[in-house]
Protein backbone atom coordinates (compact mmCIF):
# COMPACT_ATOMS: atom_id res chain seq x y z
CA MET A 1 -22.73 13.41 -2.95
CA LYS A 2 -19.17 14.17 -4.01
CA ALA A 3 -16.32 12.14 -2.55
CA ILE A 4 -12.72 11.20 -3.26
CA THR A 5 -12.44 7.74 -4.79
CA TYR A 6 -9.77 5.58 -6.40
CA ALA A 7 -10.13 2.66 -8.78
CA ASP A 8 -6.86 0.96 -7.86
CA PHE A 9 -3.95 1.29 -5.47
CA GLY A 10 -1.12 3.60 -6.41
CA GLY A 11 0.30 7.09 -6.13
CA ALA A 12 -1.64 10.24 -5.35
CA ASP A 13 -2.70 10.54 -8.99
CA VAL A 14 -5.19 7.66 -8.54
CA LEU A 15 -7.45 9.92 -6.45
CA ARG A 16 -10.51 11.30 -8.22
CA VAL A 17 -13.62 13.31 -7.34
CA ALA A 18 -16.73 11.26 -8.06
CA GLU A 19 -20.44 11.07 -7.26
CA VAL A 20 -21.19 8.31 -4.74
CA PRO A 21 -24.31 7.28 -2.80
CA MET A 22 -25.10 9.04 0.46
CA PRO A 23 -24.27 6.96 3.55
CA GLN A 24 -27.27 5.59 5.42
CA PRO A 25 -27.14 6.02 9.22
CA ARG A 26 -28.04 3.13 11.50
CA PRO A 27 -30.00 3.60 14.76
CA THR A 28 -26.85 4.48 16.74
CA ASP A 29 -25.31 6.71 14.04
CA LEU A 30 -25.21 10.35 13.08
CA LEU A 31 -25.29 11.62 9.51
CA VAL A 32 -22.81 14.48 9.40
CA LYS A 33 -22.34 17.16 6.78
CA VAL A 34 -18.55 17.18 6.58
CA MET A 35 -17.07 20.66 6.80
CA ALA A 36 -13.47 19.49 7.06
CA ALA A 37 -11.52 16.24 7.25
CA GLY A 38 -8.09 15.49 8.66
CA VAL A 39 -5.43 13.84 6.50
CA ASN A 40 -3.50 11.05 8.22
CA ARG A 41 -0.55 8.85 7.29
CA ALA A 42 -2.92 5.87 7.34
CA ASP A 43 -4.81 7.40 4.39
CA LEU A 44 -1.65 7.29 2.28
CA LEU A 45 -0.92 3.71 3.30
CA GLN A 46 -4.46 2.66 2.43
CA ARG A 47 -4.24 4.34 -0.98
CA GLN A 48 -0.94 2.55 -1.62
CA GLY A 49 -2.47 -0.83 -0.79
CA ARG A 50 -0.47 -1.40 2.39
CA TYR A 51 -3.56 -2.69 4.19
CA GLY A 52 -4.30 -5.17 1.40
CA ARG A 53 -7.82 -3.97 0.72
CA GLN A 54 -9.47 -0.85 -0.58
CA HIS A 55 -11.78 -0.26 2.37
CA TYR A 56 -10.67 0.59 5.88
CA GLY A 57 -13.22 -0.17 8.56
CA GLU A 58 -16.77 0.57 7.45
CA SER A 59 -16.33 2.56 4.25
CA GLU A 60 -14.59 2.19 0.92
CA LEU A 61 -13.80 5.90 1.06
CA LEU A 62 -10.65 7.36 2.56
CA GLY A 63 -10.45 9.41 5.74
CA LEU A 64 -10.54 8.68 9.46
CA GLU A 65 -11.62 11.96 11.09
CA VAL A 66 -14.23 14.60 10.37
CA ALA A 67 -15.60 17.85 11.70
CA GLY A 68 -19.05 18.91 10.65
CA GLU A 69 -22.72 19.50 11.35
CA VAL A 70 -25.23 16.82 12.30
CA VAL A 71 -28.01 16.64 9.69
CA ALA A 72 -29.74 13.51 11.00
CA ALA A 73 -29.56 11.25 14.04
CA GLY A 74 -30.45 7.56 14.28
CA SER A 75 -33.50 6.44 16.22
CA ALA A 76 -31.42 5.32 19.22
CA VAL A 77 -29.53 8.62 19.52
CA THR A 78 -31.12 10.84 22.15
CA ASP A 79 -28.42 13.36 23.06
CA MET A 80 -27.56 14.89 19.68
CA ARG A 81 -29.72 16.51 17.06
CA PRO A 82 -29.49 18.26 13.68
CA GLY A 83 -27.46 21.43 13.87
CA ASP A 84 -25.01 20.18 16.50
CA ARG A 85 -21.34 20.74 15.66
CA VAL A 86 -19.32 17.56 16.10
CA MET A 87 -15.87 16.15 15.50
CA ALA A 88 -15.42 12.40 15.20
CA ILE A 89 -13.29 9.41 14.33
CA VAL A 90 -14.77 7.31 11.52
CA GLY A 91 -13.97 3.93 10.02
CA GLY A 92 -13.34 5.48 6.62
CA GLY A 93 -15.55 7.88 4.71
CA ALA A 94 -14.19 11.28 5.78
CA TYR A 95 -13.15 12.39 2.27
CA ALA A 96 -16.75 13.13 1.31
CA GLU A 97 -19.50 15.72 1.60
CA TYR A 98 -21.38 13.57 4.14
CA ALA A 99 -20.22 10.86 6.54
CA ARG A 100 -21.86 8.24 8.73
CA VAL A 101 -20.56 8.54 12.28
CA ASP A 102 -20.95 6.21 15.26
CA ARG A 103 -22.48 8.45 17.94
CA ASP A 104 -20.05 7.14 20.55
CA MET A 105 -17.07 8.12 18.39
CA ALA A 106 -18.24 11.75 18.16
CA VAL A 107 -17.95 14.68 20.56
CA ARG A 108 -19.29 18.20 20.42
CA ILE A 109 -16.83 20.76 19.10
CA PRO A 110 -15.74 23.18 21.85
CA GLU A 111 -17.02 26.67 21.15
CA PRO A 112 -13.65 28.32 20.34
CA LEU A 113 -12.81 25.85 17.54
CA ALA A 114 -13.71 26.40 13.88
CA TYR A 115 -14.41 23.35 11.73
CA VAL A 116 -10.97 23.32 10.09
CA ALA A 117 -9.27 23.36 13.50
CA ALA A 118 -11.64 20.70 14.84
CA ALA A 119 -10.71 18.40 11.95
CA ALA A 120 -7.16 18.36 13.35
CA VAL A 121 -8.17 17.10 16.79
CA MET A 122 -9.56 13.60 17.06
CA GLU A 123 -6.99 11.13 15.70
CA SER A 124 -4.01 12.91 17.26
CA PHE A 125 -5.42 14.12 20.56
CA VAL A 126 -7.52 11.07 21.45
CA THR A 127 -4.46 8.87 20.87
CA ALA A 128 -2.17 11.23 22.76
CA TRP A 129 -4.57 11.57 25.72
CA GLU A 130 -4.73 7.80 26.03
CA ALA A 131 -0.93 7.54 26.08
CA VAL A 132 -0.04 10.50 28.28
CA VAL A 133 -2.91 10.41 30.78
CA HIS A 134 -4.72 7.07 30.84
CA LEU A 135 -1.70 4.81 30.35
CA GLY A 136 1.15 7.09 31.35
CA GLY A 137 -0.60 8.62 34.35
CA ALA A 138 1.03 12.01 33.79
CA GLU A 139 -0.06 14.78 36.11
CA LYS A 140 1.02 18.13 37.49
CA GLY A 141 4.64 18.28 38.63
CA MET A 142 5.77 15.11 36.87
CA ALA A 143 8.56 15.03 34.28
CA VAL A 144 7.46 13.71 30.87
CA LEU A 145 9.57 12.92 27.80
CA ILE A 146 7.85 12.85 24.39
CA HIS A 147 9.69 11.42 21.37
CA ALA A 148 8.92 12.43 17.76
CA ALA A 149 7.36 15.55 19.23
CA ALA A 150 6.96 17.32 15.88
CA GLY A 151 4.56 14.65 14.61
CA GLY A 152 0.79 14.77 14.92
CA VAL A 153 0.39 12.59 18.01
CA GLY A 154 3.73 13.68 19.47
CA SER A 155 2.90 17.38 19.30
CA ALA A 156 -0.53 16.70 20.83
CA ALA A 157 1.19 14.79 23.64
CA VAL A 158 3.47 17.76 24.34
CA GLU A 159 0.45 20.08 24.55
CA ILE A 160 -1.44 17.73 26.84
CA ALA A 161 1.43 17.16 29.25
CA HIS A 162 2.11 20.90 29.40
CA ALA A 163 -1.58 21.71 29.96
CA LEU A 164 -1.63 19.27 32.89
CA GLY A 165 1.24 21.12 34.53
CA ALA A 166 3.97 18.56 33.87
CA ARG A 167 7.57 19.41 33.00
CA VAL A 168 7.87 18.44 29.34
CA PHE A 169 10.99 17.32 27.51
CA ALA A 170 10.95 16.26 23.87
CA THR A 171 12.94 15.01 20.91
CA ALA A 172 12.59 16.29 17.35
CA ASN A 173 14.87 17.37 14.55
CA ALA A 174 16.66 20.68 15.03
CA ALA A 175 14.50 22.49 12.45
CA ARG A 176 11.36 21.73 14.49
CA ARG A 177 12.84 22.61 17.89
CA PRO A 178 11.26 26.12 17.97
CA ASP A 179 7.84 24.66 17.10
CA VAL A 180 8.05 22.06 19.87
CA LEU A 181 9.19 24.62 22.44
CA ARG A 182 6.23 26.85 21.54
CA LEU A 183 3.89 23.96 22.36
CA GLY A 184 5.16 23.94 25.93
CA ALA A 185 8.28 21.77 26.01
CA GLU A 186 10.90 22.96 28.47
CA MET A 187 13.68 21.40 26.38
CA ALA A 188 13.74 19.82 22.92
CA PHE A 189 16.68 17.56 22.06
CA ASP A 190 17.81 17.14 18.45
CA TYR A 191 17.54 13.38 18.03
CA ARG A 192 20.31 13.40 15.43
CA SER A 193 23.01 15.11 17.47
CA GLU A 194 21.98 15.28 21.14
CA ASP A 195 21.74 12.59 23.80
CA PHE A 196 18.21 12.73 25.19
CA GLU A 197 19.11 10.22 27.90
CA GLN A 198 21.82 12.44 29.34
CA GLY A 199 19.74 15.57 28.76
CA ALA A 200 16.71 14.22 30.61
CA ARG A 201 18.83 13.06 33.55
CA ASP A 202 20.66 16.39 33.77
CA ALA A 203 17.37 18.31 33.68
CA THR A 204 15.95 16.22 36.54
CA GLN A 205 19.09 16.30 38.73
CA GLY A 206 19.81 12.67 37.91
CA ARG A 207 16.40 11.34 38.94
CA GLY A 208 14.99 10.68 35.48
CA VAL A 209 11.52 11.30 34.06
CA ASP A 210 8.25 9.80 35.28
CA VAL A 211 6.64 9.11 31.90
CA ILE A 212 8.00 8.54 28.39
CA VAL A 213 5.86 8.35 25.25
CA ASP A 214 7.84 6.76 22.41
CA PHE A 215 7.07 6.13 18.74
CA VAL A 216 10.56 4.94 17.70
CA GLY A 217 11.43 1.70 19.49
CA GLY A 218 14.58 -0.22 18.55
CA ASP A 219 17.65 0.98 20.42
CA TYR A 220 15.54 3.72 22.02
CA LEU A 221 14.04 1.08 24.33
CA ALA A 222 17.06 0.59 26.58
CA ARG A 223 17.85 4.31 26.50
CA ASN A 224 14.28 5.11 27.50
CA LEU A 225 14.35 2.68 30.41
CA ARG A 226 17.60 4.21 31.64
CA SER A 227 15.96 7.65 31.42
CA LEU A 228 13.06 6.74 33.72
CA ALA A 229 12.85 7.59 37.39
CA PRO A 230 12.04 4.76 39.82
CA GLY A 231 8.44 3.67 39.24
CA GLY A 232 8.43 5.29 35.81
CA ARG A 233 6.27 4.27 32.86
CA LEU A 234 7.26 3.89 29.20
CA VAL A 235 4.32 3.98 26.78
CA GLN A 236 5.40 2.45 23.45
CA MET A 237 3.21 3.64 20.57
CA GLY A 238 5.17 2.88 17.43
CA LEU A 239 8.22 1.42 15.73
CA LEU A 240 9.45 4.26 13.55
CA GLY A 241 12.98 2.99 14.05
CA GLY A 242 12.07 0.00 11.88
CA LYS A 243 13.11 -2.68 14.37
CA ASP A 244 10.62 -5.12 15.85
CA SER A 245 12.94 -6.33 18.62
CA ALA A 246 15.28 -4.80 21.17
CA GLU A 247 17.29 -5.76 24.24
CA ILE A 248 15.67 -4.98 27.58
CA PRO A 249 17.84 -4.30 30.65
CA LEU A 250 15.66 -6.44 32.90
CA GLY A 251 17.76 -5.82 35.99
CA LEU A 252 17.03 -2.11 35.68
CA VAL A 253 13.32 -2.78 35.12
CA LEU A 254 13.15 -4.94 38.25
CA HIS A 255 15.29 -2.76 40.48
CA ASN A 256 13.51 0.49 39.57
CA HIS A 257 10.00 -1.00 39.34
CA LEU A 258 9.56 0.23 35.76
CA ARG A 259 6.58 -0.44 33.51
CA LEU A 260 6.57 -0.90 29.72
CA ILE A 261 3.12 -0.44 28.15
CA GLY A 262 2.41 -1.03 24.46
CA THR A 263 -0.55 0.46 22.61
CA VAL A 264 -1.86 1.21 19.12
CA MET A 265 -5.38 2.34 18.24
CA LYS A 266 -5.74 0.22 15.09
CA SER A 267 -5.84 -3.13 16.92
CA ARG A 268 -8.34 -2.02 19.56
CA SER A 269 -11.92 -3.25 19.50
CA SER A 270 -14.78 -0.88 18.73
CA GLU A 271 -15.77 -0.76 22.40
CA GLU A 272 -12.21 0.04 23.45
CA LYS A 273 -12.10 2.89 20.92
CA ARG A 274 -15.40 4.24 22.25
CA ALA A 275 -13.96 4.15 25.77
CA MET A 276 -10.92 6.12 24.55
CA VAL A 277 -13.22 8.78 23.11
CA ARG A 278 -15.20 8.95 26.38
CA ARG A 279 -12.03 9.45 28.40
CA PHE A 280 -10.86 12.13 25.97
CA ALA A 281 -14.21 13.92 26.11
CA GLU A 282 -14.26 13.96 29.90
CA GLY A 283 -10.68 15.07 30.39
CA ALA A 284 -9.52 16.98 27.33
CA LEU A 285 -12.54 18.85 25.96
CA PRO A 286 -12.60 21.33 28.88
CA LEU A 287 -8.96 22.13 28.09
CA PHE A 288 -9.89 22.98 24.49
CA ALA A 289 -12.77 25.12 25.72
CA ASP A 290 -10.36 27.01 28.01
CA GLY A 291 -7.80 27.46 25.25
CA LYS A 292 -5.18 25.35 27.04
CA LEU A 293 -5.16 22.88 24.14
CA LYS A 294 -5.06 24.11 20.55
CA PRO A 295 -4.89 21.96 17.41
CA ILE A 296 -2.10 22.92 15.03
CA VAL A 297 -3.22 23.19 11.40
CA GLY A 298 -0.32 23.28 8.97
CA LYS A 299 -1.99 23.50 5.56
CA VAL A 300 -5.54 23.40 4.17
CA PHE A 301 -6.56 21.98 0.78
CA PRO A 302 -10.01 21.89 -0.86
CA LEU A 303 -11.51 18.38 -1.03
CA ALA A 304 -11.01 18.30 -4.80
CA GLU A 305 -7.26 18.72 -4.23
CA ALA A 306 -6.90 15.65 -2.01
CA ALA A 307 -4.19 14.31 -4.32
CA ASP A 308 -2.13 17.45 -3.73
CA ALA A 309 -2.66 17.06 0.02
CA HIS A 310 -1.29 13.52 -0.17
CA ARG A 311 1.71 14.67 -2.21
CA PHE A 312 2.37 17.41 0.34
CA MET A 313 2.37 14.88 3.18
CA GLU A 314 4.62 12.52 1.24
CA ALA A 315 7.07 15.37 0.66
CA GLY A 316 7.38 16.03 4.39
CA GLY A 317 4.21 17.93 5.17
CA GLY A 318 5.68 20.70 7.27
CA PHE A 319 4.52 21.19 10.87
CA GLY A 320 0.89 20.75 11.86
CA LYS A 321 -2.11 18.87 10.54
CA ILE A 322 -3.05 18.75 6.87
CA VAL A 323 -6.79 19.36 6.51
CA LEU A 324 -9.23 19.01 3.61
CA GLN A 325 -11.93 21.70 3.56
CA VAL A 326 -15.10 20.13 2.21
CA HIS A 327 -17.72 22.85 2.69
CA PRO A 328 -16.57 26.49 3.04
């Protein structure tokens, strides 16, 4: 089969199309004909050698999410069969014509979604569902603040909170404000020039928000805690601000009964990741089927142009998911 390979770490120009062996499914696996694959920031970091090794998870090939058609199922798989349309998270191997998929990391594609759209779902929406719903506990009528709302997980979080009936506030750069508002945010604060802390308090008549999902960290931490309503929850998902430490106003945390919850998918065990997918399937898939959640695809490249897709992401990537189309 054809796949994207690279002989050494480096820039996008190291990526090549090559013939590689077909993956062999184990008893609990699916063999999937990949129709489309999502491009993620982790793919670029892997290619650059940031993870210190050429393979990521189970495969030496790039790519962490696929959408495609089941062509074979392992002997222990009883609920999926050839011809089923699935989207899945994989431990590498998405940049290829066929991928081996752990059955418990795959879900059926909701009927309204085409393969290219489905390839934009799993990494972003599974992660966002975990943060907003499972950890954050967001529900109808709550006020939710999403930082970095123009990013893949951030934009998915905005959609999810809005679909649940929450009031959604967000931060993004001014150029992306219209995009974020279209996803369902009530207000979008320009993180460069506007004070989200004051804005969130004003919008909630001084009460504060119930849930915050943050990817920035650093000096955002204290500002986030001051933006929370009593009993509020801050879900910390990243450190885009570049700082690994921050001051915590503990008196405020104690007095207002606040909770700070940290999470990243990469450090979770395989069983924890499977549980995340199960929770997503139970709660979010009906919302895709009803059209209340819609993946945002920004640009599509053929598999052979994976290097151009990486360059596009490195240059800023625009708004929405970058997807590789493998089979038309």
